[in-house]
Amino acid sequence: MTSLVHYVLLYGVSLIFINVLLEQLGAPVPAVPALIVAGALSRDGKLSSTHVLLAALLASLIADYIWFLLGRRYGYRILRTLCRISLSPDSCVRDTEARFERWGLKSLLIAKFIPGFSTVAPPLAGASGRGTLAFVIYDGIGALVWAGSAVAVGRVFHRAIDRVLAALESLGGWALLVVACLLALVIVVKWAQRMRFLKKLRLARIQPQELKEMLDRGEVTVVLDVRTPGGRKHNPRAIPTAIMMQMDNIDAQLGHLAPHQEVVLYCT
């Protein structure tokens, strides 16, 4: 028997562990589809759902704890590094920072359900000096709920998933190629999204020296400091003329400005 399902059954728990570990470390390899398939196979009695959940939990804790330690050691610098290596848009750091400041470690309970949040939240927890034990508890509960939800979906819809697996199995060796192509498609889509984001960012970006020269010439009258409170606390330095403001109320507070008025924003 050399079918795809045979290898899934033979290495299922190990594949789940590796898949979840890579995803939580930041690789663009979604783990939810594998967890759903594992849930369907466990409903058919071919895999142990307990072993699948334990593998997902362990892999998630290992990856998240690594990011937590890196955040504690390197602070906010690790977030900038993470955005450079991740295929998620750089805005994920700011969004995650805002959520984390609002909810604290409780945000880890739902972090894995929010794209971009899952990888950025652990190093942010480390950078903000949160306790190790509390981090492990909240992160572990969140990982268990996330993995359990995916496995539960697989168990509920196991008949439909069984039909998909049977169709793949009928393809023989081509099934691996189909799976590889689907994974490659996901990576290409994420890469294209990031490239579009960076292109827009380059069009609107201004270098610090350019801003200083414009301020010296009196060409820019409105500079907004839209960093989060955590970002200002980490780096209290600010442009002297900047107005501190939150991103969610900029439109309301700047409604009096003329449409042609040039505004410069800087953030974390």
C-alpha atoms as a PDB file:
ATOM      1  CA  MET A   1       0.000   0.000   0.000  1.00  0.00           C
ATOM      2  CA  THR A   2       1.693   3.219  -1.142  1.00  0.00           C
ATOM      3  CA  SER A   3      -1.233   5.630  -0.994  1.00  0.00           C
ATOM      4  CA  LEU A   4      -1.271   9.082   0.540  1.00  0.00           C
ATOM      5  CA  VAL A   5      -3.624   7.910   3.290  1.00  0.00           C
ATOM      6  CA  HIS A   6      -1.186   5.136   4.182  1.00  0.00           C
ATOM      7  CA  TYR A   7       1.562   7.672   4.912  1.00  0.00           C
ATOM      8  CA  VAL A   8      -0.848   9.924   6.796  1.00  0.00           C
ATOM      9  CA  LEU A   9      -1.820   7.009   9.019  1.00  0.00           C
ATOM     10  CA  LEU A  10       1.776   5.843   9.412  1.00  0.00           C
ATOM     11  CA  TYR A  11       3.269   9.245  10.269  1.00  0.00           C
ATOM     12  CA  GLY A  12       0.096  11.118  11.213  1.00  0.00           C
ATOM     13  CA  VAL A  13       1.022  12.282  14.721  1.00  0.00           C
ATOM     14  CA  SER A  14       4.588  13.148  13.668  1.00  0.00           C
ATOM     15  CA  LEU A  15       3.288  15.086  10.654  1.00  0.00           C
ATOM     16  CA  ILE A  16       0.899  17.021  12.886  1.00  0.00           C
ATOM     17  CA  PHE A  17       3.739  17.878  15.264  1.00  0.00           C
ATOM     18  CA  ILE A  18       6.028  19.101  12.469  1.00  0.00           C
ATOM     19  CA  ASN A  19       3.233  20.981  10.693  1.00  0.00           C
ATOM     20  CA  VAL A  20       2.100  22.837  13.813  1.00  0.00           C
ATOM     21  CA  LEU A  21       5.690  23.563  14.874  1.00  0.00           C
ATOM     22  CA  LEU A  22       6.568  25.068  11.491  1.00  0.00           C
ATOM     23  CA  GLU A  23       3.397  27.148  11.333  1.00  0.00           C
ATOM     24  CA  GLN A  24       3.857  28.545  14.836  1.00  0.00           C
ATOM     25  CA  LEU A  25       7.482  29.380  14.059  1.00  0.00           C
ATOM     26  CA  GLY A  26       6.208  31.522  11.176  1.00  0.00           C
ATOM     27  CA  ALA A  27       6.439  29.256   8.122  1.00  0.00           C
ATOM     28  CA  PRO A  28       3.538  29.621   5.626  1.00  0.00           C
ATOM     29  CA  VAL A  29       2.347  26.025   6.097  1.00  0.00           C
ATOM     30  CA  PRO A  30      -1.214  26.059   7.507  1.00  0.00           C
ATOM     31  CA  ALA A  31      -1.803  23.416  10.158  1.00  0.00           C
ATOM     32  CA  VAL A  32      -5.599  23.609  10.414  1.00  0.00           C
ATOM     33  CA  PRO A  33      -6.266  21.452   7.287  1.00  0.00           C
ATOM     34  CA  ALA A  34      -4.000  18.715   8.683  1.00  0.00           C
ATOM     35  CA  LEU A  35      -5.748  18.878  12.065  1.00  0.00           C
ATOM     36  CA  ILE A  36      -9.143  18.625  10.389  1.00  0.00           C
ATOM     37  CA  VAL A  37      -8.052  15.584   8.395  1.00  0.00           C
ATOM     38  CA  ALA A  38      -6.623  14.047  11.575  1.00  0.00           C
ATOM     39  CA  GLY A  39      -9.958  14.661  13.279  1.00  0.00           C
ATOM     40  CA  ALA A  40     -11.811  12.843  10.493  1.00  0.00           C
ATOM     41  CA  LEU A  41      -9.419   9.897  10.684  1.00  0.00           C
ATOM     42  CA  SER A  42      -9.798   9.765  14.460  1.00  0.00           C
ATOM     43  CA  ARG A  43     -13.581   9.626  14.028  1.00  0.00           C
ATOM     44  CA  ASP A  44     -13.058   6.586  11.805  1.00  0.00           C
ATOM     45  CA  GLY A  45     -10.869   5.007  14.469  1.00  0.00           C
ATOM     46  CA  LYS A  46      -7.694   5.257  12.369  1.00  0.00           C
ATOM     47  CA  LEU A  47      -5.897   7.820  14.532  1.00  0.00           C
ATOM     48  CA  SER A  48      -5.966   8.732  18.205  1.00  0.00           C
ATOM     49  CA  SER A  49      -7.439  12.201  18.705  1.00  0.00           C
ATOM     50  CA  THR A  50      -5.716  12.349  22.099  1.00  0.00           C
ATOM     51  CA  HIS A  51      -2.310  11.792  20.517  1.00  0.00           C
ATOM     52  CA  VAL A  52      -3.076  14.354  17.790  1.00  0.00           C
ATOM     53  CA  LEU A  53      -4.063  16.996  20.363  1.00  0.00           C
ATOM     54  CA  LEU A  54      -1.022  16.302  22.522  1.00  0.00           C
ATOM     55  CA  ALA A  55       1.295  16.556  19.503  1.00  0.00           C
ATOM     56  CA  ALA A  56      -0.309  19.861  18.427  1.00  0.00           C
ATOM     57  CA  LEU A  57      -0.163  21.226  21.980  1.00  0.00           C
ATOM     58  CA  LEU A  58       3.482  20.270  22.468  1.00  0.00           C
ATOM     59  CA  ALA A  59       4.568  21.666  19.095  1.00  0.00           C
ATOM     60  CA  SER A  60       2.680  24.895  19.717  1.00  0.00           C
ATOM     61  CA  LEU A  61       4.157  25.379  23.194  1.00  0.00           C
ATOM     62  CA  ILE A  62       7.690  24.710  21.955  1.00  0.00           C
ATOM     63  CA  ALA A  63       7.428  27.231  19.106  1.00  0.00           C
ATOM     64  CA  ASP A  64       5.657  29.867  21.170  1.00  0.00           C
ATOM     65  CA  TYR A  65       8.094  29.530  24.066  1.00  0.00           C
ATOM     66  CA  ILE A  66      11.012  30.042  21.675  1.00  0.00           C
ATOM     67  CA  TRP A  67       9.396  33.265  20.435  1.00  0.00           C
ATOM     68  CA  PHE A  68       8.620  34.253  24.036  1.00  0.00           C
ATOM     69  CA  LEU A  69      12.278  33.878  25.035  1.00  0.00           C
ATOM     70  CA  LEU A  70      13.435  35.787  21.956  1.00  0.00           C
ATOM     71  CA  GLY A  71      11.007  38.576  22.794  1.00  0.00           C
ATOM     72  CA  ARG A  72      12.269  38.696  26.370  1.00  0.00           C
ATOM     73  CA  ARG A  73      15.905  38.795  25.212  1.00  0.00           C
ATOM     74  CA  TYR A  74      15.687  41.162  22.240  1.00  0.00           C
ATOM     75  CA  GLY A  75      12.559  43.165  23.055  1.00  0.00           C
ATOM     76  CA  TYR A  76      10.681  44.912  20.275  1.00  0.00           C
ATOM     77  CA  ARG A  77      13.545  44.324  17.838  1.00  0.00           C
ATOM     78  CA  ILE A  78      12.417  40.721  17.409  1.00  0.00           C
ATOM     79  CA  LEU A  79       9.030  41.980  16.164  1.00  0.00           C
ATOM     80  CA  ARG A  80      10.683  43.924  13.366  1.00  0.00           C
ATOM     81  CA  THR A  81      12.721  40.846  12.456  1.00  0.00           C
ATOM     82  CA  LEU A  82       9.585  38.709  12.503  1.00  0.00           C
ATOM     83  CA  CYS A  83       7.816  40.993  10.058  1.00  0.00           C
ATOM     84  CA  ARG A  84      10.760  40.858   7.691  1.00  0.00           C
ATOM     85  CA  ILE A  85      10.778  37.049   7.548  1.00  0.00           C
ATOM     86  CA  SER A  86       7.011  36.536   7.687  1.00  0.00           C
ATOM     87  CA  LEU A  87       4.750  36.557   4.633  1.00  0.00           C
ATOM     88  CA  SER A  88       2.054  38.310   6.676  1.00  0.00           C
ATOM     89  CA  PRO A  89       1.723  42.073   6.142  1.00  0.00           C
ATOM     90  CA  ASP A  90       3.811  44.201   8.511  1.00  0.00           C
ATOM     91  CA  SER A  91       0.628  45.761   9.901  1.00  0.00           C
ATOM     92  CA  CYS A  92       0.149  42.524  11.871  1.00  0.00           C
ATOM     93  CA  VAL A  93       2.607  43.760  14.498  1.00  0.00           C
ATOM     94  CA  ARG A  94       0.719  46.947  15.203  1.00  0.00           C
ATOM     95  CA  ASP A  95      -2.675  45.189  15.270  1.00  0.00           C
ATOM     96  CA  THR A  96      -1.320  42.511  17.603  1.00  0.00           C
ATOM     97  CA  GLU A  97       0.277  45.083  19.870  1.00  0.00           C
ATOM     98  CA  ALA A  98      -3.004  46.962  20.206  1.00  0.00           C
ATOM     99  CA  ARG A  99      -4.924  43.773  21.029  1.00  0.00           C
ATOM    100  CA  PHE A 100      -2.288  42.632  23.502  1.00  0.00           C
ATOM    101  CA  GLU A 101      -2.320  45.960  25.332  1.00  0.00           C
ATOM    102  CA  ARG A 102      -6.111  45.791  25.548  1.00  0.00           C
ATOM    103  CA  TRP A 103      -6.467  42.171  26.694  1.00  0.00           C
ATOM    104  CA  GLY A 104      -3.050  41.202  28.091  1.00  0.00           C
ATOM    105  CA  LEU A 105      -2.206  37.503  28.312  1.00  0.00           C
ATOM    106  CA  LYS A 106      -5.890  36.656  27.878  1.00  0.00           C
ATOM    107  CA  SER A 107      -5.410  37.498  24.200  1.00  0.00           C
ATOM    108  CA  LEU A 108      -3.406  34.274  23.883  1.00  0.00           C
ATOM    109  CA  LEU A 109      -6.643  32.333  24.405  1.00  0.00           C
ATOM    110  CA  ILE A 110      -7.856  33.428  20.953  1.00  0.00           C
ATOM    111  CA  ALA A 111      -4.559  34.379  19.288  1.00  0.00           C
ATOM    112  CA  LYS A 112      -4.375  31.289  17.094  1.00  0.00           C
ATOM    113  CA  PHE A 113      -7.782  32.010  15.571  1.00  0.00           C
ATOM    114  CA  ILE A 114      -6.621  35.409  14.240  1.00  0.00           C
ATOM    115  CA  PRO A 115      -4.283  35.466  11.189  1.00  0.00           C
ATOM    116  CA  GLY A 116      -0.961  37.103  12.011  1.00  0.00           C
ATOM    117  CA  PHE A 117      -1.731  37.229  15.730  1.00  0.00           C
ATOM    118  CA  SER A 118      -0.573  33.709  16.550  1.00  0.00           C
ATOM    119  CA  THR A 119       3.104  34.212  15.705  1.00  0.00           C
ATOM    120  CA  VAL A 120       3.479  37.805  16.890  1.00  0.00           C
ATOM    121  CA  ALA A 121       1.733  37.511  20.287  1.00  0.00           C
ATOM    122  CA  PRO A 122       4.324  35.232  22.029  1.00  0.00           C
ATOM    123  CA  PRO A 123       7.388  37.448  21.370  1.00  0.00           C
ATOM    124  CA  LEU A 124       5.286  40.478  22.308  1.00  0.00           C
ATOM    125  CA  ALA A 125       4.437  38.801  25.624  1.00  0.00           C
ATOM    126  CA  GLY A 126       8.145  38.245  26.223  1.00  0.00           C
ATOM    127  CA  ALA A 127       9.073  41.802  25.209  1.00  0.00           C
ATOM    128  CA  SER A 128       6.489  43.237  27.598  1.00  0.00           C
ATOM    129  CA  GLY A 129       7.962  41.272  30.526  1.00  0.00           C
ATOM    130  CA  ARG A 130       5.056  38.909  31.249  1.00  0.00           C
ATOM    131  CA  GLY A 131       5.625  35.984  33.613  1.00  0.00           C
ATOM    132  CA  THR A 132       6.723  32.649  32.154  1.00  0.00           C
ATOM    133  CA  LEU A 133       4.257  30.471  34.075  1.00  0.00           C
ATOM    134  CA  ALA A 134       1.273  32.679  33.232  1.00  0.00           C
ATOM    135  CA  PHE A 135       2.351  32.747  29.583  1.00  0.00           C
ATOM    136  CA  VAL A 136       2.613  28.954  29.384  1.00  0.00           C
ATOM    137  CA  ILE A 137      -0.819  28.496  31.017  1.00  0.00           C
ATOM    138  CA  TYR A 138      -2.678  30.951  28.768  1.00  0.00           C
ATOM    139  CA  ASP A 139      -0.789  29.889  25.660  1.00  0.00           C
ATOM    140  CA  GLY A 140      -1.377  26.208  26.390  1.00  0.00           C
ATOM    141  CA  ILE A 141      -5.117  26.698  26.893  1.00  0.00           C
ATOM    142  CA  GLY A 142      -5.326  28.734  23.686  1.00  0.00           C
ATOM    143  CA  ALA A 143      -3.389  26.101  21.720  1.00  0.00           C
ATOM    144  CA  LEU A 144      -5.586  23.302  23.073  1.00  0.00           C
ATOM    145  CA  VAL A 145      -8.802  25.146  22.180  1.00  0.00           C
ATOM    146  CA  TRP A 146      -7.492  25.959  18.702  1.00  0.00           C
ATOM    147  CA  ALA A 147      -6.315  22.427  17.918  1.00  0.00           C
ATOM    148  CA  GLY A 148      -9.380  20.881  19.550  1.00  0.00           C
ATOM    149  CA  SER A 149     -11.707  23.025  17.435  1.00  0.00           C
ATOM    150  CA  ALA A 150     -10.016  21.894  14.210  1.00  0.00           C
ATOM    151  CA  VAL A 151     -10.092  18.237  15.262  1.00  0.00           C
ATOM    152  CA  ALA A 152     -13.756  18.584  16.253  1.00  0.00           C
ATOM    153  CA  VAL A 153     -14.606  19.995  12.807  1.00  0.00           C
ATOM    154  CA  GLY A 154     -12.907  16.991  11.233  1.00  0.00           C
ATOM    155  CA  ARG A 155     -14.860  14.573  13.396  1.00  0.00           C
ATOM    156  CA  VAL A 156     -18.173  16.273  12.574  1.00  0.00           C
ATOM    157  CA  PHE A 157     -17.573  16.355   8.813  1.00  0.00           C
ATOM    158  CA  HIS A 158     -15.617  13.116   8.615  1.00  0.00           C
ATOM    159  CA  ARG A 159     -17.778  11.633   5.842  1.00  0.00           C
ATOM    160  CA  ALA A 160     -17.110  14.525   3.463  1.00  0.00           C
ATOM    161  CA  ILE A 161     -13.413  14.502   4.342  1.00  0.00           C
ATOM    162  CA  ASP A 162     -13.267  10.738   3.809  1.00  0.00           C
ATOM    163  CA  ARG A 163     -14.569  11.271   0.270  1.00  0.00           C
ATOM    164  CA  VAL A 164     -11.858  13.863  -0.407  1.00  0.00           C
ATOM    165  CA  LEU A 165      -9.179  11.509   0.933  1.00  0.00           C
ATOM    166  CA  ALA A 166     -10.554   8.666  -1.178  1.00  0.00           C
ATOM    167  CA  ALA A 167     -10.360  10.869  -4.269  1.00  0.00           C
ATOM    168  CA  LEU A 168      -6.759  11.772  -3.465  1.00  0.00           C
ATOM    169  CA  GLU A 169      -5.933   8.141  -2.782  1.00  0.00           C
ATOM    170  CA  SER A 170      -7.253   7.165  -6.196  1.00  0.00           C
ATOM    171  CA  LEU A 171      -4.653   9.474  -7.746  1.00  0.00           C
ATOM    172  CA  GLY A 172      -1.839   7.367  -6.345  1.00  0.00           C
ATOM    173  CA  GLY A 173       1.508   9.158  -6.434  1.00  0.00           C
ATOM    174  CA  TRP A 174      -0.114  12.198  -8.040  1.00  0.00           C
ATOM    175  CA  ALA A 175      -1.870  12.900  -4.738  1.00  0.00           C
ATOM    176  CA  LEU A 176       1.383  14.150  -3.206  1.00  0.00           C
ATOM    177  CA  LEU A 177       1.845  16.467  -6.186  1.00  0.00           C
ATOM    178  CA  VAL A 178      -1.692  17.838  -5.729  1.00  0.00           C
ATOM    179  CA  VAL A 179      -1.053  18.520  -2.037  1.00  0.00           C
ATOM    180  CA  ALA A 180       2.305  20.146  -2.839  1.00  0.00           C
ATOM    181  CA  CYS A 181       0.669  22.364  -5.480  1.00  0.00           C
ATOM    182  CA  LEU A 182      -2.023  23.479  -3.040  1.00  0.00           C
ATOM    183  CA  LEU A 183       0.620  24.361  -0.474  1.00  0.00           C
ATOM    184  CA  ALA A 184       2.626  26.242  -3.085  1.00  0.00           C
ATOM    185  CA  LEU A 185      -0.512  28.157  -4.065  1.00  0.00           C
ATOM    186  CA  VAL A 186      -1.048  29.265  -0.469  1.00  0.00           C
ATOM    187  CA  ILE A 187       2.562  30.480  -0.257  1.00  0.00           C
ATOM    188  CA  VAL A 188       2.318  32.347  -3.577  1.00  0.00           C
ATOM    189  CA  VAL A 189      -0.914  34.090  -2.526  1.00  0.00           C
ATOM    190  CA  LYS A 190       0.634  35.184   0.786  1.00  0.00           C
ATOM    191  CA  TRP A 191       3.776  36.349  -1.000  1.00  0.00           C
ATOM    192  CA  ALA A 192       1.710  38.376  -3.483  1.00  0.00           C
ATOM    193  CA  GLN A 193      -0.256  39.991  -0.639  1.00  0.00           C
ATOM    194  CA  ARG A 194       2.960  40.998   1.086  1.00  0.00           C
ATOM    195  CA  MET A 195       4.476  42.393  -2.101  1.00  0.00           C
ATOM    196  CA  ARG A 196       1.369  44.522  -2.719  1.00  0.00           C
ATOM    197  CA  PHE A 197       1.530  45.796   0.847  1.00  0.00           C
ATOM    198  CA  LEU A 198       5.231  46.664   0.594  1.00  0.00           C
ATOM    199  CA  LYS A 199       4.689  48.414  -2.742  1.00  0.00           C
ATOM    200  CA  LYS A 200       2.017  50.649  -1.224  1.00  0.00           C
ATOM    201  CA  LEU A 201       4.242  51.254   1.782  1.00  0.00           C
ATOM    202  CA  ARG A 202       7.206  52.315  -0.362  1.00  0.00           C
ATOM    203  CA  LEU A 203       5.047  54.796  -2.255  1.00  0.00           C
ATOM    204  CA  ALA A 204       3.946  56.476   0.967  1.00  0.00           C
ATOM    205  CA  ARG A 205       7.159  56.206   3.039  1.00  0.00           C
ATOM    206  CA  ILE A 206       9.433  59.082   3.963  1.00  0.00           C
ATOM    207  CA  GLN A 207      12.881  58.735   5.519  1.00  0.00           C
ATOM    208  CA  PRO A 208      13.669  60.439   8.871  1.00  0.00           C
ATOM    209  CA  GLN A 209      16.273  62.733   7.298  1.00  0.00           C
ATOM    210  CA  GLU A 210      13.814  63.779   4.589  1.00  0.00           C
ATOM    211  CA  LEU A 211      11.213  64.623   7.238  1.00  0.00           C
ATOM    212  CA  LYS A 212      13.725  66.686   9.211  1.00  0.00           C
ATOM    213  CA  GLU A 213      14.670  68.658   6.124  1.00  0.00           C
ATOM    214  CA  MET A 214      10.991  69.268   5.302  1.00  0.00           C
ATOM    215  CA  LEU A 215      10.318  70.419   8.878  1.00  0.00           C
ATOM    216  CA  ASP A 216      13.327  72.746   8.743  1.00  0.00           C
ATOM    217  CA  ARG A 217      11.912  74.271   5.562  1.00  0.00           C
ATOM    218  CA  GLY A 218       8.442  74.533   7.088  1.00  0.00           C
ATOM    219  CA  GLU A 219       6.894  72.284   4.446  1.00  0.00           C
ATOM    220  CA  VAL A 220       5.179  69.920   6.924  1.00  0.00           C
ATOM    221  CA  THR A 221       3.004  71.325   9.681  1.00  0.00           C
ATOM    222  CA  VAL A 222       1.228  68.170  10.920  1.00  0.00           C
ATOM    223  CA  VAL A 223       3.186  65.193  12.242  1.00  0.00           C
ATOM    224  CA  LEU A 224       1.255  62.501  14.101  1.00  0.00           C
ATOM    225  CA  ASP A 225       2.748  60.081  16.610  1.00  0.00           C
ATOM    226  CA  VAL A 226       0.382  57.097  16.292  1.00  0.00           C
ATOM    227  CA  ARG A 227       2.488  54.615  18.235  1.00  0.00           C
ATOM    228  CA  THR A 228       0.723  52.451  20.752  1.00  0.00           C
ATOM    229  CA  PRO A 229       1.203  53.260  24.468  1.00  0.00           C
ATOM    230  CA  GLY A 230       3.498  50.235  24.727  1.00  0.00           C
ATOM    231  CA  GLY A 231       5.604  51.498  21.831  1.00  0.00           C
ATOM    232  CA  ARG A 232       5.968  54.954  23.441  1.00  0.00           C
ATOM    233  CA  LYS A 233       6.895  53.365  26.770  1.00  0.00           C
ATOM    234  CA  HIS A 234       9.536  51.195  25.092  1.00  0.00           C
ATOM    235  CA  ASN A 235      10.985  54.157  23.187  1.00  0.00           C
ATOM    236  CA  PRO A 236       9.965  57.502  24.775  1.00  0.00           C
ATOM    237  CA  ARG A 237      11.809  59.563  22.150  1.00  0.00           C
ATOM    238  CA  ALA A 238       9.490  61.586  19.930  1.00  0.00           C
ATOM    239  CA  ILE A 239       9.570  64.232  17.214  1.00  0.00           C
ATOM    240  CA  PRO A 240       9.183  67.575  19.087  1.00  0.00           C
ATOM    241  CA  THR A 241       6.283  68.873  16.957  1.00  0.00           C
ATOM    242  CA  ALA A 242       4.403  65.560  16.766  1.00  0.00           C
ATOM    243  CA  ILE A 243       0.827  65.229  18.006  1.00  0.00           C
ATOM    244  CA  MET A 244       0.085  62.037  19.911  1.00  0.00           C
ATOM    245  CA  MET A 245      -2.997  60.328  18.536  1.00  0.00           C
ATOM    246  CA  GLN A 246      -4.607  56.888  18.215  1.00  0.00           C
ATOM    247  CA  MET A 247      -5.183  55.364  14.786  1.00  0.00           C
ATOM    248  CA  ASP A 248      -8.873  54.694  15.401  1.00  0.00           C
ATOM    249  CA  ASN A 249      -9.818  58.367  15.871  1.00  0.00           C
ATOM    250  CA  ILE A 250      -7.602  60.176  13.369  1.00  0.00           C
ATOM    251  CA  ASP A 251     -10.462  61.037  10.996  1.00  0.00           C
ATOM    252  CA  ALA A 252     -12.528  62.608  13.769  1.00  0.00           C
ATOM    253  CA  GLN A 253      -9.683  64.710  15.174  1.00  0.00           C
ATOM    254  CA  LEU A 254      -8.319  65.901  11.837  1.00  0.00           C
ATOM    255  CA  GLY A 255     -11.621  66.777  10.219  1.00  0.00           C
ATOM    256  CA  HIS A 256     -10.753  70.489  10.348  1.00  0.00           C
ATOM    257  CA  LEU A 257      -7.715  70.150   8.088  1.00  0.00           C
ATOM    258  CA  ALA A 258      -7.838  71.211   4.454  1.00  0.00           C
ATOM    259  CA  PRO A 259      -7.960  68.305   1.953  1.00  0.00           C
ATOM    260  CA  HIS A 260      -4.584  69.277   0.481  1.00  0.00           C
ATOM    261  CA  GLN A 261      -2.838  69.424   3.876  1.00  0.00           C
ATOM    262  CA  GLU A 262       0.122  67.055   4.042  1.00  0.00           C
ATOM    263  CA  VAL A 263       0.180  64.817   7.110  1.00  0.00           C
ATOM    264  CA  VAL A 264       3.044  62.576   8.211  1.00  0.00           C
ATOM    265  CA  LEU A 265       2.432  59.643  10.545  1.00  0.00           C
ATOM    266  CA  TYR A 266       4.964  57.482  12.339  1.00  0.00           C
ATOM    267  CA  CYS A 267       4.277  54.386  14.373  1.00  0.00           C
ATOM    268  CA  THR A 268       5.941  51.504  16.191  1.00  0.00           C
END
